[in-house]
Amino acid sequence: MLDPLYLLDANVLSEGVRKQPNTRVTARIEQQRPVIATASIVLHELLYGAGRLPESLRRRNLESYIAASTRDLYILPYDEDAAQWHARERVRLVALGRTPPFEDGQIAAIAATNGMILVTFNTRDFSNFEGLQIEDWRT
């Protein structure tokens, strides 16, 4: 595996389970598979979302999809460097009156401290973080 270049947000990683997946996004995920990763926080978001569903075929299918889509994916932790970056950015943004959701800050920190491009459909949610590269693969 090459060094990861792209860190996928939950909304991108879960594109394959939509009723009508964006083929541009799913093709890009497959094409870039050797250089994509995700964050432990994203894995948590996916598992938590699935776990909140009632026991059903839909839940089992979603859990199977999560397991399959993350099986060979490098999952980056929220480590000390990320915590320090996140704290600095959170202080700066709160002072500007732009308090980000905590989990978004963690994901941004993991991407930024690992020199990765964050791939998300919510570019607006991440646009205030300094030093963070963002892409939306739908366009």
C-alpha atoms as a PDB file:
ATOM      1  CA  MET A   1       0.000   0.000   0.000  1.00  0.00           C
ATOM      2  CA  LEU A   2       1.202   3.481  -0.817  1.00  0.00           C
ATOM      3  CA  ASP A   3       1.095   6.213   1.783  1.00  0.00           C
ATOM      4  CA  PRO A   4      -2.519   7.362   2.162  1.00  0.00           C
ATOM      5  CA  LEU A   5      -3.272  10.617   0.360  1.00  0.00           C
ATOM      6  CA  TYR A   6      -7.036  10.936   0.867  1.00  0.00           C
ATOM      7  CA  LEU A   7      -8.980  10.702   4.097  1.00  0.00           C
ATOM      8  CA  LEU A   8     -12.632   9.854   3.436  1.00  0.00           C
ATOM      9  CA  ASP A   9     -15.417  11.360   5.529  1.00  0.00           C
ATOM     10  CA  ALA A  10     -18.410   9.208   6.493  1.00  0.00           C
ATOM     11  CA  ASN A  11     -20.667  10.669   3.813  1.00  0.00           C
ATOM     12  CA  VAL A  12     -18.192   9.640   1.099  1.00  0.00           C
ATOM     13  CA  LEU A  13     -17.359   6.233   2.542  1.00  0.00           C
ATOM     14  CA  SER A  14     -21.064   5.378   2.774  1.00  0.00           C
ATOM     15  CA  GLU A  15     -21.876   6.412  -0.811  1.00  0.00           C
ATOM     16  CA  GLY A  16     -22.139   2.772  -1.868  1.00  0.00           C
ATOM     17  CA  VAL A  17     -25.172   2.129   0.343  1.00  0.00           C
ATOM     18  CA  ARG A  18     -27.286   4.958  -1.034  1.00  0.00           C
ATOM     19  CA  LYS A  19     -30.360   3.986  -3.066  1.00  0.00           C
ATOM     20  CA  GLN A  20     -28.753   5.632  -6.095  1.00  0.00           C
ATOM     21  CA  PRO A  21     -25.008   5.898  -5.486  1.00  0.00           C
ATOM     22  CA  ASN A  22     -23.122   8.561  -7.392  1.00  0.00           C
ATOM     23  CA  THR A  23     -21.122   6.458  -9.850  1.00  0.00           C
ATOM     24  CA  ARG A  24     -18.491   9.178 -10.146  1.00  0.00           C
ATOM     25  CA  VAL A  25     -17.835   8.894  -6.402  1.00  0.00           C
ATOM     26  CA  THR A  26     -17.859   5.091  -6.228  1.00  0.00           C
ATOM     27  CA  ALA A  27     -15.544   4.856  -9.250  1.00  0.00           C
ATOM     28  CA  ARG A  28     -13.144   7.357  -7.691  1.00  0.00           C
ATOM     29  CA  ILE A  29     -13.091   5.393  -4.439  1.00  0.00           C
ATOM     30  CA  GLU A  30     -12.179   2.218  -6.328  1.00  0.00           C
ATOM     31  CA  GLN A  31      -9.625   4.044  -8.478  1.00  0.00           C
ATOM     32  CA  GLN A  32      -7.919   5.660  -5.474  1.00  0.00           C
ATOM     33  CA  ARG A  33      -8.285   2.644  -3.155  1.00  0.00           C
ATOM     34  CA  PRO A  34      -4.506   2.199  -2.674  1.00  0.00           C
ATOM     35  CA  VAL A  35      -4.148   5.760  -1.344  1.00  0.00           C
ATOM     36  CA  ILE A  36      -7.307   6.244   0.710  1.00  0.00           C
ATOM     37  CA  ALA A  37      -7.817   5.957   4.435  1.00  0.00           C
ATOM     38  CA  THR A  38     -10.365   7.042   6.967  1.00  0.00           C
ATOM     39  CA  ALA A  39     -10.336   8.235  10.547  1.00  0.00           C
ATOM     40  CA  SER A  40     -11.247   6.274  13.643  1.00  0.00           C
ATOM     41  CA  ILE A  41     -13.893   8.950  14.285  1.00  0.00           C
ATOM     42  CA  VAL A  42     -15.471   8.224  10.882  1.00  0.00           C
ATOM     43  CA  LEU A  43     -15.557   4.509  11.653  1.00  0.00           C
ATOM     44  CA  HIS A  44     -17.254   5.360  14.948  1.00  0.00           C
ATOM     45  CA  GLU A  45     -19.851   7.517  13.146  1.00  0.00           C
ATOM     46  CA  LEU A  46     -20.670   4.697  10.724  1.00  0.00           C
ATOM     47  CA  LEU A  47     -20.879   2.004  13.406  1.00  0.00           C
ATOM     48  CA  TYR A  48     -22.892   4.221  15.735  1.00  0.00           C
ATOM     49  CA  GLY A  49     -25.353   5.048  12.957  1.00  0.00           C
ATOM     50  CA  ALA A  50     -25.821   1.391  12.094  1.00  0.00           C
ATOM     51  CA  GLY A  51     -26.027   0.366  15.738  1.00  0.00           C
ATOM     52  CA  ARG A  52     -28.877   2.773  16.401  1.00  0.00           C
ATOM     53  CA  LEU A  53     -31.066   1.044  13.838  1.00  0.00           C
ATOM     54  CA  PRO A  54     -33.459  -1.634  15.073  1.00  0.00           C
ATOM     55  CA  GLU A  55     -32.349  -5.223  14.463  1.00  0.00           C
ATOM     56  CA  SER A  56     -33.284  -5.767  10.834  1.00  0.00           C
ATOM     57  CA  LEU A  57     -32.030  -6.823   7.418  1.00  0.00           C
ATOM     58  CA  ARG A  58     -31.213  -3.170   6.682  1.00  0.00           C
ATOM     59  CA  ARG A  59     -29.011  -2.955   9.793  1.00  0.00           C
ATOM     60  CA  ARG A  60     -27.227  -6.243   9.016  1.00  0.00           C
ATOM     61  CA  ASN A  61     -26.627  -5.128   5.422  1.00  0.00           C
ATOM     62  CA  LEU A  62     -25.247  -1.801   6.606  1.00  0.00           C
ATOM     63  CA  GLU A  63     -22.968  -3.485   9.140  1.00  0.00           C
ATOM     64  CA  SER A  64     -21.741  -5.881   6.434  1.00  0.00           C
ATOM     65  CA  TYR A  65     -21.097  -2.944   4.093  1.00  0.00           C
ATOM     66  CA  ILE A  66     -19.113  -1.094   6.769  1.00  0.00           C
ATOM     67  CA  ALA A  67     -17.027  -4.190   7.498  1.00  0.00           C
ATOM     68  CA  ALA A  68     -16.345  -4.836   3.802  1.00  0.00           C
ATOM     69  CA  SER A  69     -15.583  -1.210   2.917  1.00  0.00           C
ATOM     70  CA  THR A  70     -13.158  -0.753   5.814  1.00  0.00           C
ATOM     71  CA  ARG A  71     -11.560  -4.227   5.788  1.00  0.00           C
ATOM     72  CA  ASP A  72      -8.413  -3.223   3.898  1.00  0.00           C
ATOM     73  CA  LEU A  73      -8.657   0.488   4.614  1.00  0.00           C
ATOM     74  CA  TYR A  74      -6.070   2.156   6.780  1.00  0.00           C
ATOM     75  CA  ILE A  75      -7.856   3.717   9.782  1.00  0.00           C
ATOM     76  CA  LEU A  76      -5.978   6.609  11.327  1.00  0.00           C
ATOM     77  CA  PRO A  77      -6.263   7.324  15.064  1.00  0.00           C
ATOM     78  CA  TYR A  78      -6.927  10.591  16.822  1.00  0.00           C
ATOM     79  CA  ASP A  79      -3.465  10.902  18.346  1.00  0.00           C
ATOM     80  CA  GLU A  80      -1.508  13.501  20.316  1.00  0.00           C
ATOM     81  CA  ASP A  81      -0.571  15.559  17.228  1.00  0.00           C
ATOM     82  CA  ALA A  82      -4.208  15.616  16.115  1.00  0.00           C
ATOM     83  CA  ALA A  83      -5.365  16.617  19.602  1.00  0.00           C
ATOM     84  CA  GLN A  84      -2.920  19.533  19.696  1.00  0.00           C
ATOM     85  CA  TRP A  85      -3.867  20.728  16.182  1.00  0.00           C
ATOM     86  CA  HIS A  86      -7.561  20.370  17.004  1.00  0.00           C
ATOM     87  CA  ALA A  87      -7.220  22.349  20.245  1.00  0.00           C
ATOM     88  CA  ARG A  88      -5.403  25.223  18.480  1.00  0.00           C
ATOM     89  CA  GLU A  89      -7.955  25.354  15.663  1.00  0.00           C
ATOM     90  CA  ARG A  90     -10.898  25.079  18.051  1.00  0.00           C
ATOM     91  CA  VAL A  91      -9.593  27.992  20.153  1.00  0.00           C
ATOM     92  CA  ARG A  92      -9.071  30.092  17.002  1.00  0.00           C
ATOM     93  CA  LEU A  93     -12.482  29.302  15.536  1.00  0.00           C
ATOM     94  CA  VAL A  94     -14.391  29.796  18.804  1.00  0.00           C
ATOM     95  CA  ALA A  95     -12.737  33.224  19.155  1.00  0.00           C
ATOM     96  CA  LEU A  96     -14.081  34.053  15.672  1.00  0.00           C
ATOM     97  CA  GLY A  97     -17.572  32.849  16.604  1.00  0.00           C
ATOM     98  CA  ARG A  98     -17.321  29.831  14.273  1.00  0.00           C
ATOM     99  CA  THR A  99     -17.470  26.923  16.717  1.00  0.00           C
ATOM    100  CA  PRO A 100     -17.109  23.713  14.690  1.00  0.00           C
ATOM    101  CA  PRO A 101     -18.759  20.416  15.640  1.00  0.00           C
ATOM    102  CA  PHE A 102     -16.292  18.507  17.813  1.00  0.00           C
ATOM    103  CA  GLU A 103     -16.191  15.405  15.589  1.00  0.00           C
ATOM    104  CA  ASP A 104     -15.547  17.516  12.476  1.00  0.00           C
ATOM    105  CA  GLY A 105     -12.590  19.077  14.270  1.00  0.00           C
ATOM    106  CA  GLN A 106     -11.213  15.637  15.117  1.00  0.00           C
ATOM    107  CA  ILE A 107     -11.550  14.459  11.514  1.00  0.00           C
ATOM    108  CA  ALA A 108      -9.970  17.665  10.195  1.00  0.00           C
ATOM    109  CA  ALA A 109      -7.117  17.287  12.679  1.00  0.00           C
ATOM    110  CA  ILE A 110      -6.381  13.719  11.609  1.00  0.00           C
ATOM    111  CA  ALA A 111      -6.311  14.746   7.940  1.00  0.00           C
ATOM    112  CA  ALA A 112      -4.218  17.880   8.538  1.00  0.00           C
ATOM    113  CA  THR A 113      -1.614  16.309  10.812  1.00  0.00           C
ATOM    114  CA  ASN A 114      -1.138  13.423   8.391  1.00  0.00           C
ATOM    115  CA  GLY A 115      -0.790  15.727   5.364  1.00  0.00           C
ATOM    116  CA  MET A 116      -3.897  14.265   3.755  1.00  0.00           C
ATOM    117  CA  ILE A 117      -6.703  15.689   1.637  1.00  0.00           C
ATOM    118  CA  LEU A 118     -10.077  15.368   3.351  1.00  0.00           C
ATOM    119  CA  VAL A 119     -12.727  14.098   0.933  1.00  0.00           C
ATOM    120  CA  THR A 120     -16.211  15.120   2.050  1.00  0.00           C
ATOM    121  CA  PHE A 121     -19.550  16.265   0.673  1.00  0.00           C
ATOM    122  CA  ASN A 122     -19.753  18.810   3.501  1.00  0.00           C
ATOM    123  CA  THR A 123     -16.947  21.090   2.382  1.00  0.00           C
ATOM    124  CA  ARG A 124     -18.656  24.037   4.054  1.00  0.00           C
ATOM    125  CA  ASP A 125     -18.413  22.322   7.458  1.00  0.00           C
ATOM    126  CA  PHE A 126     -14.641  22.073   7.092  1.00  0.00           C
ATOM    127  CA  SER A 127     -13.841  25.273   5.180  1.00  0.00           C
ATOM    128  CA  ASN A 128     -12.927  27.344   8.254  1.00  0.00           C
ATOM    129  CA  PHE A 129     -10.074  25.077   9.331  1.00  0.00           C
ATOM    130  CA  GLU A 130      -6.682  26.522   8.391  1.00  0.00           C
ATOM    131  CA  GLY A 131      -4.196  24.318   6.605  1.00  0.00           C
ATOM    132  CA  LEU A 132      -6.758  21.694   5.639  1.00  0.00           C
ATOM    133  CA  GLN A 133      -7.068  20.554   2.034  1.00  0.00           C
ATOM    134  CA  ILE A 134     -10.608  19.535   1.047  1.00  0.00           C
ATOM    135  CA  GLU A 135     -12.108  17.861  -2.027  1.00  0.00           C
ATOM    136  CA  ASP A 136     -15.643  16.908  -3.036  1.00  0.00           C
ATOM    137  CA  TRP A 137     -15.586  13.964  -5.447  1.00  0.00           C
ATOM    138  CA  ARG A 138     -19.139  14.531  -6.689  1.00  0.00           C
ATOM    139  CA  THR A 139     -17.922  17.225  -9.095  1.00  0.00           C
END
